[in-house]
C-alpha atoms as a PDB file:
ATOM      1  CA  GLY A   1      32.999  34.530 -25.445  1.00  0.00           C
ATOM      2  CA  ASP A   2      33.796  35.993 -28.880  1.00  0.00           C
ATOM      3  CA  CYS A   3      33.664  39.506 -27.428  1.00  0.00           C
ATOM      4  CA  LEU A   4      36.141  38.665 -24.689  1.00  0.00           C
ATOM      5  CA  ASP A   5      38.461  36.905 -27.145  1.00  0.00           C
ATOM      6  CA  ASP A   6      38.469  39.937 -29.446  1.00  0.00           C
ATOM      7  CA  ILE A   7      39.104  42.284 -26.517  1.00  0.00           C
ATOM      8  CA  GLY A   8      42.044  40.187 -25.375  1.00  0.00           C
ATOM      9  CA  SER A   9      43.626  40.024 -28.814  1.00  0.00           C
ATOM     10  CA  SER A  10      42.960  43.676 -29.702  1.00  0.00           C
ATOM     11  CA  TRP A  11      43.667  45.404 -26.416  1.00  0.00           C
ATOM     12  CA  TRP A  12      45.647  48.163 -28.117  1.00  0.00           C
ATOM     13  CA  LYS A  13      42.679  49.527 -30.116  1.00  0.00           C
ATOM     14  CA  LEU A  14      40.686  52.576 -29.085  1.00  0.00           C
ATOM     15  CA  HIS A  15      36.883  52.402 -28.680  1.00  0.00           C
ATOM     16  CA  LEU A  16      37.399  48.719 -28.093  1.00  0.00           C
ATOM     17  CA  TRP A  17      34.012  47.680 -26.692  1.00  0.00           C
ATOM     18  CA  GLY A  18      32.048  49.587 -29.338  1.00  0.00           C
ATOM     19  CA  THR A  19      34.014  47.967 -32.164  1.00  0.00           C
ATOM     20  CA  VAL A  20      33.802  44.466 -30.729  1.00  0.00           C
ATOM     21  CA  SER A  21      30.094  44.735 -29.945  1.00  0.00           C
ATOM     22  CA  LYS A  22      29.292  45.770 -33.516  1.00  0.00           C
ATOM     23  CA  LYS A  23      31.286  42.841 -34.845  1.00  0.00           C
ATOM     24  CA  ASN A  24      29.895  40.137 -32.555  1.00  0.00           C
ATOM     25  CA  ILE A  25      26.502  41.301 -31.328  1.00  0.00           C
ATOM     26  CA  ASN A  26      25.329  43.121 -34.437  1.00  0.00           C
ATOM     27  CA  ILE A  27      23.578  45.843 -32.424  1.00  0.00           C
ATOM     28  CA  ASN A  28      23.964  49.591 -32.517  1.00  0.00           C
ATOM     29  CA  PHE A  29      26.103  50.791 -29.634  1.00  0.00           C
ATOM     30  CA  ASN A  30      23.723  53.644 -28.755  1.00  0.00           C
ATOM     31  CA  ASP A  31      20.795  51.219 -28.732  1.00  0.00           C
ATOM     32  CA  LEU A  32      22.717  48.880 -26.447  1.00  0.00           C
ATOM     33  CA  TYR A  33      23.510  51.739 -24.086  1.00  0.00           C
ATOM     34  CA  ASN A  34      19.889  52.927 -23.964  1.00  0.00           C
ATOM     35  CA  GLN A  35      18.632  49.390 -23.392  1.00  0.00           C
ATOM     36  CA  THR A  36      21.082  48.922 -20.507  1.00  0.00           C
ATOM     37  CA  ILE A  37      19.993  52.170 -18.862  1.00  0.00           C
ATOM     38  CA  ASP A  38      16.316  51.220 -19.253  1.00  0.00           C
ATOM     39  CA  ASP A  39      16.941  47.850 -17.616  1.00  0.00           C
ATOM     40  CA  LEU A  40      18.845  49.439 -14.737  1.00  0.00           C
ATOM     41  CA  GLU A  41      16.141  52.053 -14.219  1.00  0.00           C
ATOM     42  CA  THR A  42      13.499  49.343 -13.979  1.00  0.00           C
ATOM     43  CA  LYS A  43      15.598  47.425 -11.454  1.00  0.00           C
ATOM     44  CA  TRP A  44      16.326  50.507  -9.353  1.00  0.00           C
ATOM     45  CA  ILE A  45      12.644  51.471  -9.263  1.00  0.00           C
ATOM     46  CA  ASP A  46      11.780  48.016  -7.978  1.00  0.00           C
ATOM     47  CA  GLU A  47      14.479  48.232  -5.300  1.00  0.00           C
ATOM     48  CA  ASP A  48      13.340  51.681  -4.186  1.00  0.00           C
ATOM     49  CA  SER A  49       9.666  50.712  -4.024  1.00  0.00           C
ATOM     50  CA  ALA A  50      10.146  49.386  -0.496  1.00  0.00           C
ATOM     51  CA  TYR A  51      10.969  52.908   0.702  1.00  0.00           C
ATOM     52  CA  LYS A  52       8.290  54.867  -1.159  1.00  0.00           C
ATOM     53  CA  ALA A  53       5.705  54.335   1.557  1.00  0.00           C
ATOM     54  CA  ASN A  54       7.874  56.306   3.973  1.00  0.00           C
ATOM     55  CA  ASP A  55       7.212  59.537   2.053  1.00  0.00           C
ATOM     56  CA  THR A  56       3.627  59.579   3.312  1.00  0.00           C
ATOM     57  CA  ILE A  57       4.378  58.769   6.973  1.00  0.00           C
ATOM     58  CA  LYS A  58       3.880  61.563   9.495  1.00  0.00           C
ATOM     59  CA  GLU A  59       6.930  63.636  10.374  1.00  0.00           C
ATOM     60  CA  ASN A  60       6.732  62.745  14.078  1.00  0.00           C
ATOM     61  CA  ASP A  61       7.149  59.050  13.335  1.00  0.00           C
ATOM     62  CA  THR A  62      10.149  57.714  15.277  1.00  0.00           C
ATOM     63  CA  SER A  63      10.940  54.674  13.148  1.00  0.00           C
ATOM     64  CA  PHE A  64      14.468  54.160  11.854  1.00  0.00           C
ATOM     65  CA  TYR A  65      13.375  54.609   8.248  1.00  0.00           C
ATOM     66  CA  ILE A  66      12.239  58.174   8.903  1.00  0.00           C
ATOM     67  CA  ARG A  67      15.049  59.295  11.182  1.00  0.00           C
ATOM     68  CA  ASN A  68      17.773  57.858   8.970  1.00  0.00           C
ATOM     69  CA  LYS A  69      17.088  59.726   5.773  1.00  0.00           C
ATOM     70  CA  PHE A  70      20.765  59.369   4.898  1.00  0.00           C
ATOM     71  CA  TYR A  71      23.152  56.478   5.360  1.00  0.00           C
ATOM     72  CA  CYS A  72      24.306  56.061   8.959  1.00  0.00           C
ATOM     73  CA  SER A  73      26.568  53.722  10.877  1.00  0.00           C
ATOM     74  CA  TYR A  74      26.003  52.350  14.371  1.00  0.00           C
ATOM     75  CA  LYS A  75      29.185  51.422  16.235  1.00  0.00           C
ATOM     76  CA  ASN A  76      30.106  49.776  19.534  1.00  0.00           C
ATOM     77  CA  PRO A  77      26.598  48.713  20.616  1.00  0.00           C
ATOM     78  CA  ILE A  78      26.252  48.063  24.354  1.00  0.00           C
ATOM     79  CA  GLN A  79      23.220  46.258  25.732  1.00  0.00           C
ATOM     80  CA  ILE A  80      21.712  48.045  28.739  1.00  0.00           C
ATOM     81  CA  ASN A  81      18.768  45.711  29.389  1.00  0.00           C
ATOM     82  CA  ASP A  82      16.524  43.286  27.529  1.00  0.00           C
ATOM     83  CA  SER A  83      15.134  45.959  25.214  1.00  0.00           C
ATOM     84  CA  THR A  84      17.644  48.820  25.174  1.00  0.00           C
ATOM     85  CA  VAL A  85      20.960  49.313  23.393  1.00  0.00           C
ATOM     86  CA  ILE A  86      23.317  52.307  23.440  1.00  0.00           C
ATOM     87  CA  ALA A  87      25.468  52.901  20.359  1.00  0.00           C
ATOM     88  CA  LEU A  88      27.534  55.536  18.595  1.00  0.00           C
ATOM     89  CA  LYS A  89      25.718  56.881  15.519  1.00  0.00           C
ATOM     90  CA  THR A  90      27.820  58.450  12.764  1.00  0.00           C
ATOM     91  CA  SER A  91      27.101  59.854   9.317  1.00  0.00           C
ATOM     92  CA  ASN A  92      28.518  62.312   6.807  1.00  0.00           C
ATOM     93  CA  TYR A  93      25.720  64.789   7.451  1.00  0.00           C
ATOM     94  CA  LYS A  94      25.492  65.258  11.210  1.00  0.00           C
ATOM     95  CA  THR A  95      27.742  65.317  14.255  1.00  0.00           C
ATOM     96  CA  GLN A  96      28.325  61.854  15.710  1.00  0.00           C
ATOM     97  CA  LYS A  97      26.280  61.150  18.805  1.00  0.00           C
ATOM     98  CA  LEU A  98      25.438  58.512  21.358  1.00  0.00           C
ATOM     99  CA  VAL A  99      21.919  57.176  20.907  1.00  0.00           C
ATOM    100  CA  GLU A 100      19.602  54.941  22.889  1.00  0.00           C
ATOM    101  CA  ILE A 101      17.678  52.401  20.828  1.00  0.00           C
ATOM    102  CA  THR A 102      14.552  50.820  22.294  1.00  0.00           C
ATOM    103  CA  LYS A 103      12.052  48.798  20.250  1.00  0.00           C
ATOM    104  CA  ASN A 104      12.827  50.538  16.935  1.00  0.00           C
ATOM    105  CA  LYS A 105      12.713  53.963  18.594  1.00  0.00           C
ATOM    106  CA  GLU A 106      15.831  56.091  18.811  1.00  0.00           C
ATOM    107  CA  LYS A 107      16.683  58.788  21.358  1.00  0.00           C
ATOM    108  CA  THR A 108      19.741  61.040  21.240  1.00  0.00           C
ATOM    109  CA  LEU A 109      21.669  61.013  24.508  1.00  0.00           C
ATOM    110  CA  LEU A 110      24.489  63.434  23.705  1.00  0.00           C
ATOM    111  CA  SER A 111      26.623  64.690  20.826  1.00  0.00           C
ATOM    112  CA  VAL A 112      30.286  63.701  20.947  1.00  0.00           C
ATOM    113  CA  PRO A 113      32.051  65.591  18.128  1.00  0.00           C
ATOM    114  CA  TYR A 114      35.503  65.129  19.645  1.00  0.00           C
ATOM    115  CA  LEU A 115      35.157  61.496  20.648  1.00  0.00           C
ATOM    116  CA  LEU A 116      38.518  59.786  20.233  1.00  0.00           C
ATOM    117  CA  TYR A 117      37.981  56.602  18.252  1.00  0.00           C
ATOM    118  CA  SER A 118      34.520  55.029  18.441  1.00  0.00           C
ATOM    119  CA  THR A 119      34.731  53.252  21.772  1.00  0.00           C
ATOM    120  CA  PHE A 120      33.048  54.029  25.058  1.00  0.00           C
ATOM    121  CA  SER A 121      32.205  52.147  28.245  1.00  0.00           C
ATOM    122  CA  TYR A 122      28.963  51.960  30.221  1.00  0.00           C
ATOM    123  CA  ARG A 123      28.204  51.170  33.858  1.00  0.00           C
ATOM    124  CA  ASP A 124      25.301  52.018  36.187  1.00  0.00           C
ATOM    125  CA  GLY A 125      23.859  54.825  34.079  1.00  0.00           C
ATOM    126  CA  LYS A 126      27.229  56.411  33.308  1.00  0.00           C
ATOM    127  CA  ILE A 127      29.196  56.561  30.059  1.00  0.00           C
ATOM    128  CA  LEU A 128      32.985  56.751  29.929  1.00  0.00           C
ATOM    129  CA  TYR A 129      34.864  57.945  26.860  1.00  0.00           C
ATOM    130  CA  SER A 130      37.961  59.764  25.653  1.00  0.00           C
ATOM    131  CA  GLN A 131      37.498  63.243  24.205  1.00  0.00           C
ATOM    132  CA  LEU A 132      40.058  64.972  22.015  1.00  0.00           C
ATOM    133  CA  SER A 133      41.250  68.335  23.299  1.00  0.00           C
ATOM    134  CA  PRO A 134      43.193  69.869  20.404  1.00  0.00           C
ATOM    135  CA  HIS A 135      45.824  72.529  20.948  1.00  0.00           C
ATOM    136  CA  PRO A 136      44.884  75.796  19.154  1.00  0.00           C
ATOM    137  CA  ARG A 137      48.202  75.843  17.299  1.00  0.00           C
ATOM    138  CA  TRP A 138      50.428  72.812  17.838  1.00  0.00           C
ATOM    139  CA  GLN A 139      48.902  69.450  17.018  1.00  0.00           C
ATOM    140  CA  GLN A 140      51.482  67.497  19.021  1.00  0.00           C
ATOM    141  CA  GLU A 141      50.576  69.502  22.123  1.00  0.00           C
ATOM    142  CA  GLY A 142      46.963  68.345  22.044  1.00  0.00           C
ATOM    143  CA  SER A 143      45.578  65.930  24.626  1.00  0.00           C
ATOM    144  CA  ALA A 144      42.711  63.508  25.090  1.00  0.00           C
ATOM    145  CA  ASP A 145      40.713  63.770  28.304  1.00  0.00           C
ATOM    146  CA  ILE A 146      38.710  60.992  29.901  1.00  0.00           C
ATOM    147  CA  ILE A 147      35.123  62.158  30.380  1.00  0.00           C
ATOM    148  CA  GLU A 148      32.378  60.548  32.439  1.00  0.00           C
ATOM    149  CA  TYR A 149      28.787  61.446  31.601  1.00  0.00           C
ATOM    150  CA  ASP A 150      25.905  60.677  33.952  1.00  0.00           C
ATOM    151  CA  LEU A 151      22.809  59.938  31.861  1.00  0.00           C
ATOM    152  CA  ASN A 152      20.408  60.356  34.761  1.00  0.00           C
ATOM    153  CA  LEU A 153      21.792  63.639  36.091  1.00  0.00           C
ATOM    154  CA  ASN A 154      22.869  64.992  32.684  1.00  0.00           C
ATOM    155  CA  LYS A 155      26.240  66.000  34.121  1.00  0.00           C
ATOM    156  CA  TYR A 156      29.830  65.679  32.918  1.00  0.00           C
ATOM    157  CA  ARG A 157      32.877  64.828  34.962  1.00  0.00           C
ATOM    158  CA  ILE A 158      36.410  65.438  33.683  1.00  0.00           C
ATOM    159  CA  ILE A 159      38.532  62.632  35.100  1.00  0.00           C
ATOM    160  CA  THR A 160      41.885  63.488  33.504  1.00  0.00           C
ATOM    161  CA  SER A 161      43.325  66.520  31.770  1.00  0.00           C
ATOM    162  CA  ASN A 162      46.539  67.637  30.061  1.00  0.00           C
ATOM    163  CA  ALA A 163      47.397  64.065  29.093  1.00  0.00           C
ATOM    164  CA  THR A 164      46.462  61.643  26.320  1.00  0.00           C
ATOM    165  CA  PHE A 165      44.284  58.665  27.165  1.00  0.00           C
ATOM    166  CA  PHE A 166      42.057  56.535  24.960  1.00  0.00           C
ATOM    167  CA  THR A 167      39.713  53.521  25.169  1.00  0.00           C
ATOM    168  CA  PRO A 168      38.887  53.938  28.889  1.00  0.00           C
ATOM    169  CA  ILE A 169      36.838  51.130  30.459  1.00  0.00           C
ATOM    170  CA  TYR A 170      35.117  50.612  33.805  1.00  0.00           C
ATOM    171  CA  ASN A 171      36.152  47.832  36.158  1.00  0.00           C
ATOM    172  CA  PRO A 172      33.096  45.516  36.385  1.00  0.00           C
ATOM    173  CA  LYS A 173      33.545  44.913  40.120  1.00  0.00           C
ATOM    174  CA  ASP A 174      34.932  48.231  41.355  1.00  0.00           C
ATOM    175  CA  SER A 175      33.432  51.422  39.924  1.00  0.00           C
ATOM    176  CA  SER A 176      36.327  53.456  41.361  1.00  0.00           C
ATOM    177  CA  LEU A 177      38.801  51.845  38.954  1.00  0.00           C
ATOM    178  CA  ILE A 178      39.256  52.643  35.281  1.00  0.00           C
ATOM    179  CA  ALA A 179      41.670  51.134  32.777  1.00  0.00           C
ATOM    180  CA  ALA A 180      42.938  53.071  29.765  1.00  0.00           C
ATOM    181  CA  ILE A 181      45.836  53.352  27.353  1.00  0.00           C
ATOM    182  CA  MET A 182      48.097  56.341  27.904  1.00  0.00           C
ATOM    183  CA  THR A 183      50.401  57.981  25.348  1.00  0.00           C
ATOM    184  CA  ASP A 184      53.272  60.211  26.460  1.00  0.00           C
ATOM    185  CA  ASP A 185      54.956  63.112  24.670  1.00  0.00           C
ATOM    186  CA  LEU A 186      57.241  60.708  22.766  1.00  0.00           C
ATOM    187  CA  ASP A 187      54.289  58.588  21.554  1.00  0.00           C
ATOM    188  CA  ASN A 188      55.203  55.737  23.887  1.00  0.00           C
ATOM    189  CA  GLN A 189      52.163  53.852  25.152  1.00  0.00           C
ATOM    190  CA  SER A 190      51.399  52.264  28.509  1.00  0.00           C
ATOM    191  CA  LEU A 191      48.518  50.263  29.921  1.00  0.00           C
ATOM    192  CA  THR A 192      47.311  52.091  33.020  1.00  0.00           C
ATOM    193  CA  ILE A 193      44.875  51.874  35.908  1.00  0.00           C
ATOM    194  CA  ILE A 194      43.191  55.088  37.049  1.00  0.00           C
ATOM    195  CA  SER A 195      41.515  55.661  40.402  1.00  0.00           C
ATOM    196  CA  PRO A 196      39.450  58.869  40.225  1.00  0.00           C
ATOM    197  CA  ASN A 197      38.840  58.778  43.980  1.00  0.00           C
ATOM    198  CA  ALA A 198      42.585  58.430  44.649  1.00  0.00           C
ATOM    199  CA  GLU A 199      42.037  55.611  47.124  1.00  0.00           C
ATOM    200  CA  PHE A 200      43.416  52.551  45.381  1.00  0.00           C
ATOM    201  CA  PHE A 201      47.029  53.317  44.494  1.00  0.00           C
ATOM    202  CA  LYS A 202      48.153  55.586  47.308  1.00  0.00           C
ATOM    203  CA  ASN A 203      51.635  54.186  47.265  1.00  0.00           C
ATOM    204  CA  LYS A 204      54.953  54.501  45.491  1.00  0.00           C
ATOM    205  CA  ASN A 205      53.670  52.594  42.457  1.00  0.00           C
ATOM    206  CA  PHE A 206      51.709  55.481  41.002  1.00  0.00           C
ATOM    207  CA  ILE A 207      53.430  57.170  38.065  1.00  0.00           C
ATOM    208  CA  LYS A 208      51.519  60.414  37.884  1.00  0.00           C
ATOM    209  CA  LYS A 209      49.034  62.493  39.821  1.00  0.00           C
ATOM    210  CA  ASN A 210      46.618  64.384  37.608  1.00  0.00           C
ATOM    211  CA  LYS A 211      43.827  66.385  39.256  1.00  0.00           C
ATOM    212  CA  SER A 212      43.772  64.027  42.259  1.00  0.00           C
ATOM    213  CA  VAL A 213      43.790  61.003  39.972  1.00  0.00           C
ATOM    214  CA  TYR A 214      46.312  58.280  40.720  1.00  0.00           C
ATOM    215  CA  ILE A 215      47.608  56.334  37.764  1.00  0.00           C
ATOM    216  CA  LYS A 216      49.424  53.020  37.939  1.00  0.00           C
ATOM    217  CA  SER A 217      51.322  51.651  34.974  1.00  0.00           C
ATOM    218  CA  ILE A 218      50.643  47.965  34.345  1.00  0.00           C
ATOM    219  CA  SER A 219      52.892  47.760  31.301  1.00  0.00           C
ATOM    220  CA  ASP A 220      55.013  50.433  29.614  1.00  0.00           C
ATOM    221  CA  ILE A 221      57.109  48.583  27.042  1.00  0.00           C
ATOM    222  CA  SER A 222      58.408  51.304  24.708  1.00  0.00           C
ATOM    223  CA  THR A 223      58.418  49.030  21.649  1.00  0.00           C
ATOM    224  CA  THR A 224      54.808  47.885  22.143  1.00  0.00           C
ATOM    225  CA  THR A 225      51.459  49.516  21.437  1.00  0.00           C
ATOM    226  CA  PHE A 226      48.165  48.525  23.043  1.00  0.00           C
ATOM    227  CA  SER A 227      44.573  48.430  21.848  1.00  0.00           C
ATOM    228  CA  TYR A 228      41.083  47.386  22.993  1.00  0.00           C
ATOM    229  CA  PRO A 229      41.598  46.675  26.722  1.00  0.00           C
ATOM    230  CA  VAL A 230      38.881  44.608  28.405  1.00  0.00           C
ATOM    231  CA  PHE A 231      38.547  43.704  32.079  1.00  0.00           C
ATOM    232  CA  SER A 232      38.081  40.105  33.117  1.00  0.00           C
ATOM    233  CA  ASN A 233      34.716  39.284  34.700  1.00  0.00           C
ATOM    234  CA  ASP A 234      36.226  39.308  38.199  1.00  0.00           C
ATOM    235  CA  GLY A 235      37.882  42.699  37.587  1.00  0.00           C
ATOM    236  CA  GLN A 236      41.323  41.422  38.603  1.00  0.00           C
ATOM    237  CA  SER A 237      42.909  41.249  35.148  1.00  0.00           C
ATOM    238  CA  ILE A 238      42.962  43.111  31.853  1.00  0.00           C
ATOM    239  CA  TYR A 239      42.993  41.503  28.433  1.00  0.00           C
ATOM    240  CA  VAL A 240      44.569  43.645  25.724  1.00  0.00           C
ATOM    241  CA  ILE A 241      45.939  43.369  22.189  1.00  0.00           C
ATOM    242  CA  GLU A 242      49.665  44.097  21.992  1.00  0.00           C
ATOM    243  CA  THR A 243      51.339  45.043  18.722  1.00  0.00           C
ATOM    244  CA  LYS A 244      55.074  45.024  18.103  1.00  0.00           C
ATOM    245  CA  ALA A 245      57.577  44.032  15.406  1.00  0.00           C
ATOM    246  CA  ASP A 246      56.645  40.349  15.807  1.00  0.00           C
ATOM    247  CA  GLY A 247      52.963  41.013  15.103  1.00  0.00           C
ATOM    248  CA  LYS A 248      49.878  41.068  17.322  1.00  0.00           C
ATOM    249  CA  ALA A 249      49.027  39.008  20.391  1.00  0.00           C
ATOM    250  CA  ILE A 250      46.320  38.814  23.037  1.00  0.00           C
ATOM    251  CA  VAL A 251      47.776  39.046  26.532  1.00  0.00           C
ATOM    252  CA  LYS A 252      46.457  39.267  30.086  1.00  0.00           C
ATOM    253  CA  TYR A 253      47.804  41.456  32.890  1.00  0.00           C
ATOM    254  CA  ASN A 254      47.021  41.209  36.586  1.00  0.00           C
ATOM    255  CA  ILE A 255      46.138  44.738  37.726  1.00  0.00           C
ATOM    256  CA  HIS A 256      47.840  44.307  41.131  1.00  0.00           C
ATOM    257  CA  SER A 257      51.062  42.475  40.315  1.00  0.00           C
ATOM    258  CA  GLY A 258      51.397  43.427  36.656  1.00  0.00           C
ATOM    259  CA  LYS A 259      52.112  39.767  35.835  1.00  0.00           C
ATOM    260  CA  LYS A 260      51.755  39.071  32.126  1.00  0.00           C
ATOM    261  CA  VAL A 261      50.204  35.919  30.663  1.00  0.00           C
ATOM    262  CA  MET A 262      50.303  35.243  26.914  1.00  0.00           C
ATOM    263  CA  ILE A 263      46.913  34.131  25.588  1.00  0.00           C
ATOM    264  CA  THR A 264      48.128  33.903  21.976  1.00  0.00           C
ATOM    265  CA  SER A 265      51.590  34.147  20.477  1.00  0.00           C
ATOM    266  CA  TYR A 266      52.694  37.129  18.384  1.00  0.00           C
ATOM    267  CA  SER A 267      51.842  36.663  14.721  1.00  0.00           C
ATOM    268  CA  PHE A 268      50.538  38.424  11.644  1.00  0.00           C
END
């Protein structure tokens, strides 16, 4: 208490803590420093003791403690079955990749260095994600392609190209339908439905044909941005977060009629 009072009343002095500690604690500043470092070293040794045993484990051990020598982050986990999870693994030391985690064992599925954001979708052994395709010179001319990767066949499928899409998701009831957010050349966003087989929106409602892909715009309000679309369980609607000048709101769109239902009001 005396130390804090002296610091508050003598804030303008240099070497403040050393002067105050000599006055109130009656201990040499160097001794205090050395004692603090010794105490911290003892504490850190105790905390690290839990990891020392890992140094003697065989190199082919597949436990998390061995594979994650450095700090890592696991994002967007998706449960595949009772014992398996797929997630995006990122770190400052290696390229981000999709991994399969089963009973404390980790298997790399594929590296995704150009993954746009950290989201991906999974259905029936296939992974759907948006991959950045940068322009070699002009950043604004870059695009983001929707890629489908078949885990069983180890094959890629480019669903869109020369456009910017992100956060693509599978329809839970119809594997031929994909929802995504599209950004045009003026940075306007729209919530869209994509039919890679070109069999769902063969009518005047499609807004663009891209490599035999029909795209239907559900909502294209120029003053609104969209994020994190999710299909309803019956596959007939999309829930999405809308952001505009009034704040954020959760809304629902019917994929056939485009009818909008407010789930929450706009707020901050």
